[in-house]
Amino acid sequence: MRYPPSLYVAYPRNHTTVEGVNLILQCRVTAANPEPNVTCISRSDAGQYYCVVENGIGPAVTSGISTVDVQYSPSLDINYPHDNTVVEGENLTLQCKVTSANPESVITWYSVTANNTILSSGVNMTFINISRTLAGEYFCVARNGIGKSAVSRKSVIKVLYPPFLDPSYPRDHSVSDGESVSLRCVVKASNPHPNITWIKLSNPGKVLSSNPILNLTSVVHADDGDYRCLAENGVGGQIWSRVAKVKVQLRKKGGKEEGENEPQKSEGRRLIIILLSLAVAVLTVGILLMAILCVCVHRTSGLSTAAAAAAAEPKTLKHGAQIM
């Protein structure tokens, strides 16, 4: 007796399987009919299946639909998360990019710098008002319970911030002329490394040095004054140090410092010169007066001598008389 084939309504069944295993779909019929097989299933085999049987008697018989769900472990984009350079105080978001996973992955973020401490979960991790303490390496891990977890590349975060100078430097100095002095510009923190500039406040347009230490050798009185260093690294503005006062004293002579009470000494020198000039003038006048006096005395003495001589001569009287 000939009859068309019939199928068991429970076949083929739905399947959820893991990528890489074998799977057999059964098309169970009452008459002999080969069973279709699917082996070494991959994610591309996921979908809906049904079977059709016929034996030439009557119409073909179609089974119900079998749904095959192929599950597989996560895969990540090897370019994520990106490296980032950010200015302190800005916001930053890192992305963990999953290219494929079934079922959906759970994302966890870790900090390499903090000994792989768990920070957060989710595709994105955002830093609000980032600080320099958060600079370091980060990575994400995707898990879905199938196979191995996917680990991302390490993202390097660099946080830039302006220089911070030690407020106690450079220090004040008091030195004698001919000695040397070093002024230090101490940078306690900066990223990137700053450029240093030294100036003297009396001549701010002249750069004295670009090194952290300003060396003043064999100082002279002209080196006396106020000094300052400037640090800048392109982040924020210019950062100025405190003002360092350098006092240059002239070397001591006779128990007193040369240069001490200079205005009074100069005035004394001028007074001495004036007095000496007056003394010379008085002496000159005195010498002239004495010369004049000597001349006068000499002339007077000559006149007296002539008069005496004249008086000593005998007087002759008229008529030849002679007075004895």
Protein backbone atom coordinates (compact mmCIF):
# COMPACT_ATOMS: atom_id res chain seq x y z
CA MET A 1 0.00 0.00 0.00
CA ARG A 2 1.36 3.26 -1.02
CA TYR A 3 1.00 6.38 1.14
CA PRO A 4 2.66 9.71 1.35
CA PRO A 5 5.33 10.21 4.03
CA SER A 6 4.54 11.68 7.38
CA LEU A 7 6.82 13.58 9.80
CA TYR A 8 7.10 13.72 13.53
CA VAL A 9 5.89 17.21 14.41
CA ALA A 10 8.56 17.59 17.16
CA TYR A 11 11.38 17.50 14.63
CA PRO A 12 13.61 19.18 13.72
CA ARG A 13 14.09 20.83 17.09
CA ASN A 14 15.45 24.30 17.97
CA HIS A 15 19.09 24.37 19.07
CA THR A 16 21.39 26.74 20.91
CA THR A 17 24.98 25.66 20.50
CA VAL A 18 28.52 26.91 20.85
CA GLU A 19 30.64 27.67 17.85
CA GLY A 20 32.97 24.81 16.96
CA VAL A 21 30.91 21.87 18.20
CA ASN A 22 28.98 19.34 16.10
CA LEU A 23 25.23 19.59 15.58
CA ILE A 24 22.79 17.10 14.04
CA LEU A 25 19.37 18.16 12.87
CA GLN A 26 16.95 15.25 12.53
CA CYS A 27 14.14 15.09 10.02
CA ARG A 28 12.16 12.11 11.38
CA VAL A 29 9.76 10.51 8.97
CA THR A 30 7.73 7.29 9.03
CA ALA A 31 9.13 6.18 5.73
CA ALA A 32 12.78 5.71 4.98
CA ASN A 33 14.33 8.96 4.17
CA PRO A 34 17.94 10.04 4.76
CA GLU A 35 18.51 12.41 7.71
CA PRO A 36 20.29 15.67 6.95
CA ASN A 37 23.39 16.37 9.06
CA VAL A 38 25.22 19.66 9.89
CA THR A 39 28.65 19.22 11.47
CA CYS A 40 31.39 21.61 12.82
CA ILE A 41 28.89 24.38 13.01
CA SER A 42 30.04 28.04 12.77
CA ARG A 43 28.31 31.33 13.44
CA SER A 44 27.45 31.52 9.76
CA ASP A 45 25.30 28.39 10.23
CA ALA A 46 22.99 30.23 12.59
CA GLY A 47 19.48 30.61 11.23
CA GLN A 48 16.28 28.69 10.56
CA TYR A 49 16.06 25.22 9.04
CA TYR A 50 13.30 22.90 7.86
CA CYS A 51 13.15 19.63 5.94
CA VAL A 52 10.99 18.44 3.07
CA VAL A 53 10.19 14.76 2.39
CA GLU A 54 8.50 13.19 -0.56
CA ASN A 55 8.22 9.73 -2.02
CA GLY A 56 6.33 10.40 -5.21
CA ILE A 57 2.98 9.63 -3.67
CA GLY A 58 0.99 12.71 -3.01
CA PRO A 59 2.44 16.15 -2.21
CA ALA A 60 5.75 16.72 -0.43
CA VAL A 61 5.61 17.12 3.35
CA THR A 62 7.40 20.07 4.98
CA SER A 63 8.55 20.01 8.59
CA GLY A 64 8.33 22.76 11.14
CA ILE A 65 11.09 25.40 11.37
CA SER A 66 14.14 24.73 13.50
CA THR A 67 16.04 27.76 14.79
CA VAL A 68 19.78 27.34 15.33
CA ASP A 69 21.47 29.95 17.61
CA VAL A 70 25.27 29.75 17.48
CA GLN A 71 27.03 31.35 20.44
CA TYR A 72 30.66 32.49 20.45
CA SER A 73 33.11 34.43 22.61
CA PRO A 74 33.67 38.21 22.23
CA SER A 75 36.09 39.80 19.79
CA LEU A 76 37.48 43.33 20.25
CA ASP A 77 38.76 45.95 17.83
CA ILE A 78 42.53 45.87 18.33
CA ASN A 79 42.76 49.66 17.88
CA TYR A 80 40.65 50.43 20.95
CA PRO A 81 40.87 51.99 23.44
CA HIS A 82 43.00 54.76 21.94
CA ASP A 83 45.97 56.48 23.59
CA ASN A 84 45.10 59.98 24.76
CA THR A 85 46.87 63.18 25.77
CA VAL A 86 44.62 65.53 27.69
CA VAL A 87 44.99 68.76 29.67
CA GLU A 88 44.23 68.54 33.38
CA GLY A 89 40.64 69.56 34.08
CA GLU A 90 39.22 68.36 30.76
CA ASN A 91 36.88 65.38 30.22
CA LEU A 92 37.96 62.15 28.54
CA THR A 93 36.07 59.04 27.35
CA LEU A 94 37.67 55.66 26.58
CA GLN A 95 35.79 53.18 24.36
CA CYS A 96 35.95 49.39 24.44
CA LYS A 97 34.83 48.38 20.95
CA VAL A 98 33.34 44.86 20.69
CA THR A 99 33.23 43.68 17.08
CA SER A 100 31.26 40.47 17.72
CA ALA A 101 29.82 38.41 20.56
CA ASN A 102 26.89 36.10 21.19
CA PRO A 103 25.44 36.51 23.69
CA GLU A 104 26.13 40.16 24.46
CA SER A 105 29.31 40.83 26.40
CA VAL A 106 29.81 42.38 29.81
CA ILE A 107 32.61 45.00 29.69
CA THR A 108 34.90 45.66 32.66
CA TRP A 109 37.58 48.40 32.85
CA TYR A 110 40.88 48.01 34.70
CA SER A 111 43.77 50.29 35.67
CA VAL A 112 47.25 48.86 35.10
CA THR A 113 48.77 51.68 37.13
CA ALA A 114 46.58 50.78 40.13
CA ASN A 115 47.52 47.07 40.07
CA ASN A 116 44.67 46.04 37.74
CA THR A 117 42.01 47.54 39.98
CA ILE A 118 38.47 47.34 38.57
CA LEU A 119 37.25 50.87 37.79
CA SER A 120 33.90 50.56 36.03
CA SER A 121 31.78 48.54 33.62
CA GLY A 122 30.21 49.37 30.29
CA VAL A 123 31.39 50.07 26.77
CA ASN A 124 32.60 53.59 27.66
CA MET A 125 34.57 54.84 30.64
CA THR A 126 34.49 58.61 31.16
CA PHE A 127 36.79 60.79 33.27
CA ILE A 128 35.20 64.06 34.40
CA ASN A 129 37.60 66.91 35.20
CA ILE A 130 40.57 64.59 34.87
CA SER A 131 43.54 65.12 37.19
CA ARG A 132 47.22 64.29 36.87
CA THR A 133 46.81 61.41 39.34
CA LEU A 134 44.77 59.52 36.72
CA ALA A 135 47.58 59.41 34.18
CA GLY A 136 48.57 55.83 33.37
CA GLU A 137 47.51 52.69 31.47
CA TYR A 138 44.00 51.28 31.16
CA PHE A 139 42.40 48.29 29.42
CA CYS A 140 39.01 46.60 29.11
CA VAL A 141 37.89 42.96 29.20
CA ALA A 142 34.80 41.57 27.43
CA ARG A 143 33.13 38.42 28.81
CA ASN A 144 29.96 36.55 27.86
CA GLY A 145 30.53 33.14 29.44
CA ILE A 146 31.50 31.52 26.12
CA GLY A 147 35.10 30.52 25.67
CA LYS A 148 37.88 32.92 26.64
CA SER A 149 37.42 36.54 27.63
CA ALA A 150 38.65 39.18 25.18
CA VAL A 151 41.31 41.56 26.53
CA SER A 152 41.90 44.92 24.82
CA ARG A 153 45.14 46.74 24.13
CA LYS A 154 46.46 49.07 26.82
CA SER A 155 45.47 52.70 26.48
CA VAL A 156 48.09 55.19 27.70
CA ILE A 157 46.67 58.42 29.15
CA LYS A 158 48.98 61.42 29.51
CA VAL A 159 47.73 64.36 31.55
CA LEU A 160 49.33 67.74 30.88
CA TYR A 161 49.48 70.49 33.50
CA PRO A 162 51.34 73.79 33.98
CA PRO A 163 54.57 74.08 36.01
CA PHE A 164 54.44 74.37 39.77
CA LEU A 165 57.41 76.19 41.35
CA ASP A 166 58.72 75.85 44.88
CA PRO A 167 57.58 79.13 46.48
CA SER A 168 60.74 79.39 48.61
CA TYR A 169 63.08 79.66 45.59
CA PRO A 170 65.10 81.47 44.40
CA ARG A 171 66.44 82.67 47.74
CA ASP A 172 67.88 86.04 48.76
CA HIS A 173 71.68 86.39 48.95
CA SER A 174 74.18 88.90 50.37
CA VAL A 175 77.70 88.60 48.95
CA SER A 176 80.89 90.63 48.69
CA ASP A 177 82.21 91.85 45.38
CA GLY A 178 84.33 89.28 43.59
CA GLU A 179 82.46 86.34 45.10
CA SER A 180 80.03 84.03 43.25
CA VAL A 181 76.38 83.22 43.92
CA SER A 182 73.92 80.67 42.46
CA LEU A 183 70.16 81.23 42.20
CA ARG A 184 67.94 78.14 41.83
CA CYS A 185 64.59 77.88 40.06
CA VAL A 186 63.00 74.74 41.58
CA VAL A 187 60.22 73.11 39.53
CA LYS A 188 58.26 70.72 41.76
CA ALA A 189 55.89 69.45 39.04
CA SER A 190 55.29 69.99 35.32
CA ASN A 191 54.11 68.05 32.28
CA PRO A 192 55.68 68.52 29.83
CA HIS A 193 59.06 69.67 31.13
CA PRO A 194 59.13 73.49 31.20
CA ASN A 195 61.45 76.03 29.66
CA ILE A 196 63.22 78.24 32.21
CA THR A 197 64.10 81.92 31.71
CA TRP A 198 66.02 84.17 34.14
CA ILE A 199 65.71 87.96 34.17
CA LYS A 200 66.78 90.90 36.31
CA LEU A 201 63.86 93.17 37.12
CA SER A 202 65.84 96.29 36.30
CA ASN A 203 66.33 94.98 32.74
CA PRO A 204 63.46 92.52 32.03
CA GLY A 205 64.10 92.43 28.30
CA LYS A 206 67.48 90.73 28.72
CA VAL A 207 67.51 86.93 29.23
CA LEU A 208 70.30 86.02 31.64
CA SER A 209 70.03 82.22 31.41
CA SER A 210 67.78 79.34 30.32
CA ASN A 211 69.03 76.89 32.92
CA PRO A 212 67.39 76.01 36.25
CA ILE A 213 70.42 77.50 38.04
CA LEU A 214 71.63 81.05 37.41
CA ASN A 215 75.32 81.41 38.28
CA LEU A 216 76.64 84.91 38.98
CA THR A 217 80.44 84.73 39.10
CA SER A 218 82.85 87.41 40.37
CA VAL A 219 79.97 89.73 41.14
CA VAL A 220 80.36 93.50 41.03
CA HIS A 221 78.20 96.29 42.36
CA ALA A 222 76.23 96.31 39.06
CA ASP A 223 74.99 92.77 39.85
CA ASP A 224 73.14 94.09 42.89
CA GLY A 225 69.35 93.89 42.37
CA ASP A 226 66.22 91.72 42.10
CA TYR A 227 66.08 88.48 40.08
CA ARG A 228 63.26 86.19 38.98
CA CYS A 229 62.78 83.00 36.96
CA LEU A 230 59.96 82.17 34.54
CA ALA A 231 58.69 78.64 33.79
CA GLU A 232 56.39 77.79 30.89
CA ASN A 233 55.51 74.54 29.11
CA GLY A 234 52.68 75.52 26.75
CA VAL A 235 49.97 74.50 29.21
CA GLY A 236 48.28 77.42 30.89
CA GLY A 237 50.13 80.71 31.22
CA GLN A 238 53.55 81.85 32.38
CA ILE A 239 54.52 80.88 35.93
CA TRP A 240 56.78 83.35 37.77
CA SER A 241 58.90 82.60 40.82
CA ARG A 242 59.31 84.79 43.86
CA VAL A 243 61.71 87.75 43.62
CA ALA A 244 65.23 87.04 44.89
CA LYS A 245 67.19 90.01 46.22
CA VAL A 246 70.96 89.94 45.64
CA LYS A 247 72.94 92.50 47.66
CA VAL A 248 76.56 93.06 46.63
CA GLN A 249 78.75 94.65 49.29
CA LEU A 250 82.21 96.04 48.54
CA ARG A 251 85.09 94.46 50.40
CA LYS A 252 85.99 95.91 53.83
CA LYS A 253 88.84 98.39 54.28
CA GLY A 254 89.98 99.75 57.66
CA GLY A 255 87.25 97.91 59.49
CA LYS A 256 84.53 99.46 57.39
CA GLU A 257 82.97 98.32 54.16
CA GLU A 258 84.08 100.16 51.11
CA GLY A 259 81.00 101.62 49.67
CA GLU A 260 79.43 102.05 53.12
CA ASN A 261 78.10 105.60 53.57
CA GLU A 262 79.39 106.47 50.11
CA PRO A 263 77.30 109.67 49.81
CA GLN A 264 78.76 111.01 53.07
CA LYS A 265 82.28 110.06 51.99
CA SER A 266 81.90 111.80 48.66
CA GLU A 267 80.62 114.92 50.38
CA GLY A 268 83.60 114.81 52.74
CA ARG A 269 86.00 114.48 49.83
CA ARG A 270 84.46 117.49 48.13
CA LEU A 271 84.70 119.49 51.35
CA ILE A 272 88.35 118.55 51.79
CA ILE A 273 89.11 119.60 48.21
CA ILE A 274 87.36 122.92 48.77
CA LEU A 275 89.26 123.51 52.02
CA LEU A 276 92.56 122.60 50.39
CA SER A 277 91.80 124.97 47.54
CA LEU A 278 91.01 127.74 50.02
CA ALA A 279 94.20 126.98 51.94
CA VAL A 280 96.26 127.16 48.77
CA ALA A 281 94.58 130.43 47.85
CA VAL A 282 95.18 131.88 51.32
CA LEU A 283 98.78 130.70 51.26
CA THR A 284 99.29 132.23 47.83
CA VAL A 285 97.79 135.51 48.99
CA GLY A 286 99.98 135.41 52.10
CA ILE A 287 103.08 134.84 50.04
CA LEU A 288 102.18 137.76 47.78
CA LEU A 289 101.53 140.00 50.76
CA MET A 290 104.84 139.05 52.30
CA ALA A 291 106.63 139.75 49.03
CA ILE A 292 104.97 143.14 48.79
CA LEU A 293 105.82 143.85 52.44
CA CYS A 294 109.44 142.92 51.87
CA VAL A 295 109.65 145.24 48.88
CA CYS A 296 108.11 148.06 50.87
CA VAL A 297 110.46 147.52 53.79
CA HIS A 298 113.43 147.43 51.47
CA ARG A 299 112.45 150.70 49.87
CA THR A 300 111.84 152.32 53.25
CA SER A 301 115.21 151.16 54.50
CA GLY A 302 116.93 152.64 51.46
CA LEU A 303 115.29 155.99 51.96
CA SER A 304 116.31 156.04 55.64
CA THR A 305 119.92 155.31 54.78
CA ALA A 306 120.06 158.09 52.23
CA ALA A 307 118.59 160.54 54.68
CA ALA A 308 121.12 159.58 57.31
CA ALA A 309 123.96 160.01 54.89
CA ALA A 310 122.77 163.37 53.92
CA ALA A 311 122.54 164.48 57.51
CA ALA A 312 126.12 163.44 58.23
CA GLU A 313 127.66 165.70 55.54
CA PRO A 314 129.13 169.11 56.85
CA LYS A 315 127.05 172.16 56.06
CA THR A 316 128.77 175.10 54.24
CA LEU A 317 127.75 178.62 55.27
CA LYS A 318 127.60 181.55 52.97
CA HIS A 319 130.75 183.47 52.36
CA GLY A 320 132.85 180.33 52.76
CA ALA A 321 132.11 179.85 56.40
CA GLN A 322 132.12 176.34 57.55
CA ILE A 323 130.28 175.07 60.43
CA MET A 324 132.14 172.42 62.34
